Amino acid sequence: FEVHPYSRWASPAGQRLLGTLHRDAGDAADDRTY
């Protein structure tokens, strides 16, 4: 409940930034998004 998702590489701050990318990566409309 407190520290999920667990990551071997990303710190909690890094995981928060990755969370925004996960939301933006759902639509592979262009090469960058893909």
PDB file of all heavy atoms in Angstrom:
ATOM      1  N   PHE A   1       0.807  -1.213   0.000  1.00  0.00           N
ATOM      2  CA  PHE A   1       0.000   0.000   0.000  1.00  0.00           C
ATOM      3  C   PHE A   1       0.847   1.274   0.000  1.00  0.00           C
ATOM      4  O   PHE A   1       0.442   2.291  -0.559  1.00  0.00           O
ATOM      5  CB  PHE A   1      -0.935   0.013   1.219  1.00  0.00           C
ATOM      6  CG  PHE A   1      -2.094  -0.913   1.092  1.00  0.00           C
ATOM      7  CD1 PHE A   1      -2.113  -2.129   1.759  1.00  0.00           C
ATOM      8  CD2 PHE A   1      -3.182  -0.585   0.295  1.00  0.00           C
ATOM      9  CE1 PHE A   1      -3.184  -3.000   1.633  1.00  0.00           C
ATOM     10  CE2 PHE A   1      -4.266  -1.441   0.168  1.00  0.00           C
ATOM     11  CZ  PHE A   1      -4.266  -2.658   0.845  1.00  0.00           C
ATOM     12  N   GLU A   2       2.038   1.225   0.621  1.00  0.00           N
ATOM     13  CA  GLU A   2       2.813   2.442   0.829  1.00  0.00           C
ATOM     14  C   GLU A   2       3.858   2.705  -0.246  1.00  0.00           C
ATOM     15  O   GLU A   2       4.088   3.861  -0.611  1.00  0.00           O
ATOM     16  CB  GLU A   2       3.499   2.387   2.200  1.00  0.00           C
ATOM     17  CG  GLU A   2       2.536   2.367   3.372  1.00  0.00           C
ATOM     18  CD  GLU A   2       1.761   3.661   3.492  1.00  0.00           C
ATOM     19  OE1 GLU A   2       2.251   4.709   3.040  1.00  0.00           O
ATOM     20  OE2 GLU A   2       0.637   3.614   4.045  1.00  0.00           O
ATOM     21  N   VAL A   3       4.545   1.663  -0.728  1.00  0.00           N
ATOM     22  CA  VAL A   3       5.682   1.893  -1.636  1.00  0.00           C
ATOM     23  C   VAL A   3       5.531   1.145  -2.949  1.00  0.00           C
ATOM     24  O   VAL A   3       6.484   1.027  -3.711  1.00  0.00           O
ATOM     25  CB  VAL A   3       7.016   1.491  -0.966  1.00  0.00           C
ATOM     26  CG1 VAL A   3       7.321   2.400   0.196  1.00  0.00           C
ATOM     27  CG2 VAL A   3       6.989   0.023  -0.518  1.00  0.00           C
ATOM     28  N   HIS A   4       4.358   0.619  -3.265  1.00  0.00           N
ATOM     29  CA  HIS A   4       4.149  -0.043  -4.550  1.00  0.00           C
ATOM     30  C   HIS A   4       3.910   1.017  -5.635  1.00  0.00           C
ATOM     31  O   HIS A   4       3.269   2.025  -5.360  1.00  0.00           O
ATOM     32  CB  HIS A   4       2.939  -0.983  -4.450  1.00  0.00           C
ATOM     33  CG  HIS A   4       2.782  -1.897  -5.617  1.00  0.00           C
ATOM     34  ND1 HIS A   4       1.991  -1.572  -6.698  1.00  0.00           N
ATOM     35  CD2 HIS A   4       3.320  -3.108  -5.881  1.00  0.00           C
ATOM     36  CE1 HIS A   4       2.038  -2.550  -7.578  1.00  0.00           C
ATOM     37  NE2 HIS A   4       2.836  -3.494  -7.108  1.00  0.00           N
ATOM     38  N   PRO A   5       4.385   0.889  -6.861  1.00  0.00           N
ATOM     39  CA  PRO A   5       5.083  -0.277  -7.402  1.00  0.00           C
ATOM     40  C   PRO A   5       6.559  -0.306  -6.995  1.00  0.00           C
ATOM     41  O   PRO A   5       7.178   0.739  -6.809  1.00  0.00           O
ATOM     42  CB  PRO A   5       4.944  -0.088  -8.921  1.00  0.00           C
ATOM     43  CG  PRO A   5       4.869   1.391  -9.093  1.00  0.00           C
ATOM     44  CD  PRO A   5       4.116   1.911  -7.884  1.00  0.00           C
ATOM     45  N   TYR A   6       7.089  -1.505  -6.860  1.00  0.00           N
ATOM     46  CA  TYR A   6       8.482  -1.671  -6.492  1.00  0.00           C
ATOM     47  C   TYR A   6       9.352  -1.560  -7.749  1.00  0.00           C
ATOM     48  O   TYR A   6       8.989  -2.047  -8.801  1.00  0.00           O
ATOM     49  CB  TYR A   6       8.712  -3.035  -5.834  1.00  0.00           C
ATOM     50  CG  TYR A   6       7.625  -3.442  -4.876  1.00  0.00           C
ATOM     51  CD1 TYR A   6       6.929  -4.630  -5.049  1.00  0.00           C
ATOM     52  CD2 TYR A   6       7.276  -2.626  -3.804  1.00  0.00           C
ATOM     53  CE1 TYR A   6       5.925  -5.008  -4.180  1.00  0.00           C
ATOM     54  CE2 TYR A   6       6.267  -2.994  -2.929  1.00  0.00           C
ATOM     55  CZ  TYR A   6       5.597  -4.184  -3.121  1.00  0.00           C
ATOM     56  OH  TYR A   6       4.596  -4.543  -2.263  1.00  0.00           O
ATOM     57  N   SER A   7      10.476  -0.925  -7.613  1.00  0.00           N
ATOM     58  CA  SER A   7      11.357  -0.750  -8.764  1.00  0.00           C
ATOM     59  C   SER A   7      12.794  -1.003  -8.347  1.00  0.00           C
ATOM     60  O   SER A   7      13.239  -0.522  -7.302  1.00  0.00           O
ATOM     61  CB  SER A   7      11.229   0.673  -9.335  1.00  0.00           C
ATOM     62  OG  SER A   7      12.173   0.884 -10.363  1.00  0.00           O
ATOM     63  N   ARG A   8      13.496  -1.756  -9.183  1.00  0.00           N
ATOM     64  CA  ARG A   8      14.917  -1.994  -8.926  1.00  0.00           C
ATOM     65  C   ARG A   8      15.754  -0.794  -9.318  1.00  0.00           C
ATOM     66  O   ARG A   8      16.852  -0.608  -8.800  1.00  0.00           O
ATOM     67  CB  ARG A   8      15.362  -3.229  -9.710  1.00  0.00           C
ATOM     68  CG  ARG A   8      16.832  -3.560  -9.554  1.00  0.00           C
ATOM     69  CD  ARG A   8      17.228  -4.747 -10.403  1.00  0.00           C
ATOM     70  NE  ARG A   8      18.649  -4.995 -10.329  1.00  0.00           N
ATOM     71  CZ  ARG A   8      19.295  -5.908 -11.047  1.00  0.00           C
ATOM     72  NH1 ARG A   8      18.620  -6.666 -11.899  1.00  0.00           N
ATOM     73  NH2 ARG A   8      20.597  -6.065 -10.940  1.00  0.00           N
ATOM     74  N   TRP A   9      15.225   0.018 -10.239  1.00  0.00           N
ATOM     75  CA  TRP A   9      16.051   1.088 -10.813  1.00  0.00           C
ATOM     76  C   TRP A   9      15.601   2.484 -10.389  1.00  0.00           C
ATOM     77  O   TRP A   9      16.438   3.353 -10.165  1.00  0.00           O
ATOM     78  CB  TRP A   9      16.026   0.994 -12.348  1.00  0.00           C
ATOM     79  CG  TRP A   9      16.349  -0.368 -12.855  1.00  0.00           C
ATOM     80  CD1 TRP A   9      15.468  -1.302 -13.327  1.00  0.00           C
ATOM     81  CD2 TRP A   9      17.640  -0.990 -12.911  1.00  0.00           C
ATOM     82  NE1 TRP A   9      16.121  -2.442 -13.682  1.00  0.00           N
ATOM     83  CE2 TRP A   9      17.460  -2.283 -13.445  1.00  0.00           C
ATOM     84  CE3 TRP A   9      18.929  -0.573 -12.577  1.00  0.00           C
ATOM     85  CZ2 TRP A   9      18.515  -3.167 -13.642  1.00  0.00           C
ATOM     86  CZ3 TRP A   9      19.980  -1.448 -12.768  1.00  0.00           C
ATOM     87  CH2 TRP A   9      19.768  -2.720 -13.298  1.00  0.00           C
ATOM     88  N   ALA A  10      14.303   2.729 -10.324  1.00  0.00           N
ATOM     89  CA  ALA A  10      13.802   4.080 -10.085  1.00  0.00           C
ATOM     90  C   ALA A  10      13.567   4.338  -8.603  1.00  0.00           C
ATOM     91  O   ALA A  10      13.060   3.477  -7.883  1.00  0.00           O
ATOM     92  CB  ALA A  10      12.501   4.310 -10.856  1.00  0.00           C
ATOM     93  N   SER A  11      13.934   5.541  -8.158  1.00  0.00           N
ATOM     94  CA  SER A  11      13.594   5.988  -6.812  1.00  0.00           C
ATOM     95  C   SER A  11      12.118   6.366  -6.791  1.00  0.00           C
ATOM     96  O   SER A  11      11.467   6.421  -7.839  1.00  0.00           O
ATOM     97  CB  SER A  11      14.462   7.189  -6.436  1.00  0.00           C
ATOM     98  OG  SER A  11      14.076   8.320  -7.209  1.00  0.00           O
ATOM     99  N   PRO A  12      11.544   6.651  -5.614  1.00  0.00           N
ATOM    100  CA  PRO A  12      10.139   7.096  -5.594  1.00  0.00           C
ATOM    101  C   PRO A  12       9.887   8.311  -6.479  1.00  0.00           C
ATOM    102  O   PRO A  12       8.845   8.381  -7.141  1.00  0.00           O
ATOM    103  CB  PRO A  12       9.909   7.411  -4.113  1.00  0.00           C
ATOM    104  CG  PRO A  12      10.825   6.468  -3.389  1.00  0.00           C
ATOM    105  CD  PRO A  12      12.060   6.389  -4.243  1.00  0.00           C
ATOM    106  N   ALA A  13      10.836   9.265  -6.514  1.00  0.00           N
ATOM    107  CA  ALA A  13      10.661  10.428  -7.390  1.00  0.00           C
ATOM    108  C   ALA A  13      10.690  10.012  -8.852  1.00  0.00           C
ATOM    109  O   ALA A  13       9.912  10.511  -9.674  1.00  0.00           O
ATOM    110  CB  ALA A  13      11.753  11.457  -7.107  1.00  0.00           C
ATOM    111  N   GLY A  14      11.595   9.088  -9.191  1.00  0.00           N
ATOM    112  CA  GLY A  14      11.649   8.593 -10.558  1.00  0.00           C
ATOM    113  C   GLY A  14      10.384   7.853 -10.943  1.00  0.00           C
ATOM    114  O   GLY A  14       9.911   7.951 -12.082  1.00  0.00           O
ATOM    115  N   GLN A  15       9.811   7.106 -10.016  1.00  0.00           N
ATOM    116  CA  GLN A  15       8.572   6.382 -10.296  1.00  0.00           C
ATOM    117  C   GLN A  15       7.418   7.343 -10.558  1.00  0.00           C
ATOM    118  O   GLN A  15       6.540   7.061 -11.384  1.00  0.00           O
ATOM    119  CB  GLN A  15       8.239   5.459  -9.129  1.00  0.00           C
ATOM    120  CG  GLN A  15       9.196   4.285  -8.990  1.00  0.00           C
ATOM    121  CD  GLN A  15       8.817   3.365  -7.842  1.00  0.00           C
ATOM    122  OE1 GLN A  15       7.694   2.913  -7.742  1.00  0.00           O
ATOM    123  NE2 GLN A  15       9.757   3.101  -6.959  1.00  0.00           N
ATOM    124  N   ARG A  16       7.409   8.479  -9.864  1.00  0.00           N
ATOM    125  CA  ARG A  16       6.342   9.451 -10.109  1.00  0.00           C
ATOM    126  C   ARG A  16       6.444  10.024 -11.519  1.00  0.00           C
ATOM    127  O   ARG A  16       5.428  10.214 -12.203  1.00  0.00           O
ATOM    128  CB  ARG A  16       6.393  10.560  -9.057  1.00  0.00           C
ATOM    129  CG  ARG A  16       5.862  10.137  -7.700  1.00  0.00           C
ATOM    130  CD  ARG A  16       5.525  11.345  -6.853  1.00  0.00           C
ATOM    131  NE  ARG A  16       6.719  12.112  -6.533  1.00  0.00           N
ATOM    132  CZ  ARG A  16       7.488  11.894  -5.470  1.00  0.00           C
ATOM    133  NH1 ARG A  16       7.176  10.915  -4.635  1.00  0.00           N
ATOM    134  NH2 ARG A  16       8.550  12.630  -5.227  1.00  0.00           N
ATOM    135  N   LEU A  17       7.667  10.313 -11.965  1.00  0.00           N
ATOM    136  CA  LEU A  17       7.840  10.802 -13.336  1.00  0.00           C
ATOM    137  C   LEU A  17       7.460   9.734 -14.345  1.00  0.00           C
ATOM    138  O   LEU A  17       6.862  10.019 -15.380  1.00  0.00           O
ATOM    139  CB  LEU A  17       9.294  11.244 -13.556  1.00  0.00           C
ATOM    140  CG  LEU A  17       9.703  12.582 -12.946  1.00  0.00           C
ATOM    141  CD1 LEU A  17      11.158  12.878 -13.252  1.00  0.00           C
ATOM    142  CD2 LEU A  17       8.817  13.706 -13.464  1.00  0.00           C
ATOM    143  N   LEU A  18       7.806   8.481 -14.050  1.00  0.00           N
ATOM    144  CA  LEU A  18       7.426   7.392 -14.945  1.00  0.00           C
ATOM    145  C   LEU A  18       5.911   7.238 -15.020  1.00  0.00           C
ATOM    146  O   LEU A  18       5.371   6.834 -16.049  1.00  0.00           O
ATOM    147  CB  LEU A  18       8.062   6.081 -14.484  1.00  0.00           C
ATOM    148  CG  LEU A  18       9.552   5.898 -14.775  1.00  0.00           C
ATOM    149  CD1 LEU A  18      10.030   4.573 -14.194  1.00  0.00           C
ATOM    150  CD2 LEU A  18       9.829   5.960 -16.263  1.00  0.00           C
ATOM    151  N   GLY A  19       5.228   7.547 -13.907  1.00  0.00           N
ATOM    152  CA  GLY A  19       3.777   7.444 -13.908  1.00  0.00           C
ATOM    153  C   GLY A  19       3.140   8.351 -14.945  1.00  0.00           C
ATOM    154  O   GLY A  19       2.170   7.971 -15.602  1.00  0.00           O
ATOM    155  N   THR A  20       3.692   9.537 -15.135  1.00  0.00           N
ATOM    156  CA  THR A  20       3.157  10.437 -16.164  1.00  0.00           C
ATOM    157  C   THR A  20       3.440   9.886 -17.556  1.00  0.00           C
ATOM    158  O   THR A  20       2.621  10.029 -18.467  1.00  0.00           O
ATOM    159  CB  THR A  20       3.772  11.832 -16.024  1.00  0.00           C
ATOM    160  OG1 THR A  20       5.201  11.761 -16.236  1.00  0.00           O
ATOM    161  CG2 THR A  20       3.513  12.394 -14.631  1.00  0.00           C
ATOM    162  N   LEU A  21       4.586   9.230 -17.733  1.00  0.00           N
ATOM    163  CA  LEU A  21       4.902   8.647 -19.036  1.00  0.00           C
ATOM    164  C   LEU A  21       4.007   7.462 -19.342  1.00  0.00           C
ATOM    165  O   LEU A  21       3.621   7.245 -20.488  1.00  0.00           O
ATOM    166  CB  LEU A  21       6.370   8.212 -19.079  1.00  0.00           C
ATOM    167  CG  LEU A  21       7.413   9.339 -19.067  1.00  0.00           C
ATOM    168  CD1 LEU A  21       8.815   8.751 -19.101  1.00  0.00           C
ATOM    169  CD2 LEU A  21       7.203  10.274 -20.250  1.00  0.00           C
ATOM    170  N   HIS A  22       3.672   6.669 -18.327  1.00  0.00           N
ATOM    171  CA  HIS A  22       2.766   5.537 -18.530  1.00  0.00           C
ATOM    172  C   HIS A  22       1.420   6.019 -19.060  1.00  0.00           C
ATOM    173  O   HIS A  22       0.820   5.379 -19.928  1.00  0.00           O
ATOM    174  CB  HIS A  22       2.561   4.779 -17.220  1.00  0.00           C
ATOM    175  CG  HIS A  22       3.617   3.758 -16.956  1.00  0.00           C
ATOM    176  ND1 HIS A  22       3.633   2.543 -17.592  1.00  0.00           N
ATOM    177  CD2 HIS A  22       4.696   3.769 -16.122  1.00  0.00           C
ATOM    178  CE1 HIS A  22       4.678   1.835 -17.177  1.00  0.00           C
ATOM    179  NE2 HIS A  22       5.326   2.555 -16.288  1.00  0.00           N
ATOM    180  N   ARG A  23       0.955   7.147 -18.554  1.00  0.00           N
ATOM    181  CA  ARG A  23      -0.331   7.665 -19.030  1.00  0.00           C
ATOM    182  C   ARG A  23      -0.227   8.199 -20.451  1.00  0.00           C
ATOM    183  O   ARG A  23      -1.154   8.065 -21.248  1.00  0.00           O
ATOM    184  CB  ARG A  23      -0.823   8.776 -18.085  1.00  0.00           C
ATOM    185  CG  ARG A  23      -1.212   8.275 -16.712  1.00  0.00           C
ATOM    186  CD  ARG A  23      -1.928   9.353 -15.939  1.00  0.00           C
ATOM    187  NE  ARG A  23      -1.067  10.499 -15.655  1.00  0.00           N
ATOM    188  CZ  ARG A  23      -0.325  10.607 -14.562  1.00  0.00           C
ATOM    189  NH1 ARG A  23      -0.317   9.621 -13.669  1.00  0.00           N
ATOM    190  NH2 ARG A  23       0.422  11.671 -14.353  1.00  0.00           N
ATOM    191  N   ASP A  24       0.929   8.790 -20.778  1.00  0.00           N
ATOM    192  CA  ASP A  24       1.094   9.383 -22.103  1.00  0.00           C
ATOM    193  C   ASP A  24       1.455   8.364 -23.165  1.00  0.00           C
ATOM    194  O   ASP A  24       1.373   8.657 -24.361  1.00  0.00           O
ATOM    195  CB  ASP A  24       2.190  10.463 -22.064  1.00  0.00           C
ATOM    196  CG  ASP A  24       1.819  11.624 -21.150  1.00  0.00           C
ATOM    197  OD1 ASP A  24       0.600  11.781 -20.901  1.00  0.00           O
ATOM    198  OD2 ASP A  24       2.720  12.340 -20.684  1.00  0.00           O
ATOM    199  N   ALA A  25       1.888   7.157 -22.744  1.00  0.00           N
ATOM    200  CA  ALA A  25       2.364   6.175 -23.711  1.00  0.00           C
ATOM    201  C   ALA A  25       1.269   5.237 -24.192  1.00  0.00           C
ATOM    202  O   ALA A  25       1.542   4.265 -24.883  1.00  0.00           O
ATOM    203  CB  ALA A  25       3.490   5.339 -23.084  1.00  0.00           C
ATOM    204  N   GLY A  26       0.032   5.529 -23.881  1.00  0.00           N
ATOM    205  CA  GLY A  26      -1.026   4.615 -24.268  1.00  0.00           C
ATOM    206  C   GLY A  26      -1.355   4.657 -25.748  1.00  0.00           C
ATOM    207  O   GLY A  26      -1.779   3.662 -26.325  1.00  0.00           O
ATOM    208  N   ASP A  27      -1.151   5.786 -26.393  1.00  0.00           N
ATOM    209  CA  ASP A  27      -1.511   5.928 -27.801  1.00  0.00           C
ATOM    210  C   ASP A  27      -0.252   6.128 -28.615  1.00  0.00           C
ATOM    211  O   ASP A  27       0.406   7.156 -28.522  1.00  0.00           O
ATOM    212  CB  ASP A  27      -2.457   7.126 -27.970  1.00  0.00           C
ATOM    213  CG  ASP A  27      -2.870   7.311 -29.425  1.00  0.00           C
ATOM    214  OD1 ASP A  27      -2.737   6.332 -30.197  1.00  0.00           O
ATOM    215  OD2 ASP A  27      -3.323   8.424 -29.770  1.00  0.00           O
ATOM    216  N   ALA A  28       0.099   5.131 -29.422  1.00  0.00           N
ATOM    217  CA  ALA A  28       1.326   5.188 -30.219  1.00  0.00           C
ATOM    218  C   ALA A  28       1.048   5.881 -31.559  1.00  0.00           C
ATOM    219  O   ALA A  28       1.192   5.304 -32.638  1.00  0.00           O
ATOM    220  CB  ALA A  28       1.881   3.784 -30.443  1.00  0.00           C
ATOM    221  N   ALA A  29       0.584   7.126 -31.504  1.00  0.00           N
ATOM    222  CA  ALA A  29       0.208   7.833 -32.719  1.00  0.00           C
ATOM    223  C   ALA A  29       1.421   8.346 -33.478  1.00  0.00           C
ATOM    224  O   ALA A  29       1.361   8.537 -34.685  1.00  0.00           O
ATOM    225  CB  ALA A  29      -0.732   8.995 -32.366  1.00  0.00           C
ATOM    226  N   ASP A  30       2.520   8.627 -32.839  1.00  0.00           N
ATOM    227  CA  ASP A  30       3.714   9.114 -33.513  1.00  0.00           C
ATOM    228  C   ASP A  30       4.918   8.337 -33.018  1.00  0.00           C
ATOM    229  O   ASP A  30       4.826   7.551 -32.076  1.00  0.00           O
ATOM    230  CB  ASP A  30       3.891  10.622 -33.265  1.00  0.00           C
ATOM    231  CG  ASP A  30       3.930  10.946 -31.779  1.00  0.00           C
ATOM    232  OD1 ASP A  30       4.931  10.590 -31.118  1.00  0.00           O
ATOM    233  OD2 ASP A  30       2.962  11.543 -31.269  1.00  0.00           O
ATOM    234  N   ASP A  31       6.052   8.571 -33.684  1.00  0.00           N
ATOM    235  CA  ASP A  31       7.245   7.792 -33.390  1.00  0.00           C
ATOM    236  C   ASP A  31       7.733   8.024 -31.969  1.00  0.00           C
ATOM    237  O   ASP A  31       8.143   7.079 -31.281  1.00  0.00           O
ATOM    238  CB  ASP A  31       8.350   8.147 -34.397  1.00  0.00           C
ATOM    239  CG  ASP A  31       9.473   7.134 -34.388  1.00  0.00           C
ATOM    240  OD1 ASP A  31       9.211   5.953 -34.676  1.00  0.00           O
ATOM    241  OD2 ASP A  31      10.625   7.518 -34.073  1.00  0.00           O
ATOM    242  N   ARG A  32       7.698   9.252 -31.499  1.00  0.00           N
ATOM    243  CA  ARG A  32       8.156   9.572 -30.159  1.00  0.00           C
ATOM    244  C   ARG A  32       7.297   8.856 -29.109  1.00  0.00           C
ATOM    245  O   ARG A  32       7.816   8.256 -28.155  1.00  0.00           O
ATOM    246  CB  ARG A  32       8.115  11.087 -29.928  1.00  0.00           C
ATOM    247  CG  ARG A  32       8.370  11.523 -28.490  1.00  0.00           C
ATOM    248  CD  ARG A  32       9.796  11.313 -28.090  1.00  0.00           C
ATOM    249  NE  ARG A  32      10.016  11.637 -26.687  1.00  0.00           N
ATOM    250  CZ  ARG A  32      11.199  11.639 -26.097  1.00  0.00           C
ATOM    251  NH1 ARG A  32      12.275  11.326 -26.782  1.00  0.00           N
ATOM    252  NH2 ARG A  32      11.318  11.938 -24.821  1.00  0.00           N
ATOM    253  N   THR A  33       5.980   8.894 -29.290  1.00  0.00           N
ATOM    254  CA  THR A  33       5.088   8.229 -28.346  1.00  0.00           C
ATOM    255  C   THR A  33       5.285   6.720 -28.384  1.00  0.00           C
ATOM    256  O   THR A  33       5.258   6.047 -27.353  1.00  0.00           O
ATOM    257  CB  THR A  33       3.622   8.574 -28.659  1.00  0.00           C
ATOM    258  OG1 THR A  33       3.465   9.990 -28.647  1.00  0.00           O
ATOM    259  CG2 THR A  33       2.692   7.959 -27.638  1.00  0.00           C
ATOM    260  N   TYR A  34       5.491   6.203 -29.585  1.00  0.00           N
ATOM    261  CA  TYR A  34       5.711   4.764 -29.732  1.00  0.00           C
ATOM    262  C   TYR A  34       6.973   4.329 -28.989  1.00  0.00           C
ATOM    263  O   TYR A  34       6.969   3.338 -28.251  1.00  0.00           O
ATOM    264  CB  TYR A  34       5.825   4.416 -31.213  1.00  0.00           C
ATOM    265  CG  TYR A  34       6.133   2.969 -31.493  1.00  0.00           C
ATOM    266  CD1 TYR A  34       5.116   2.033 -31.593  1.00  0.00           C
ATOM    267  CD2 TYR A  34       7.443   2.541 -31.652  1.00  0.00           C
ATOM    268  CE1 TYR A  34       5.388   0.701 -31.850  1.00  0.00           C
ATOM    269  CE2 TYR A  34       7.730   1.216 -31.901  1.00  0.00           C
ATOM    270  CZ  TYR A  34       6.707   0.303 -32.006  1.00  0.00           C
ATOM    271  OH  TYR A  34       6.995  -1.014 -32.244  1.00  0.00           O
TER     272      TYR A  34
END
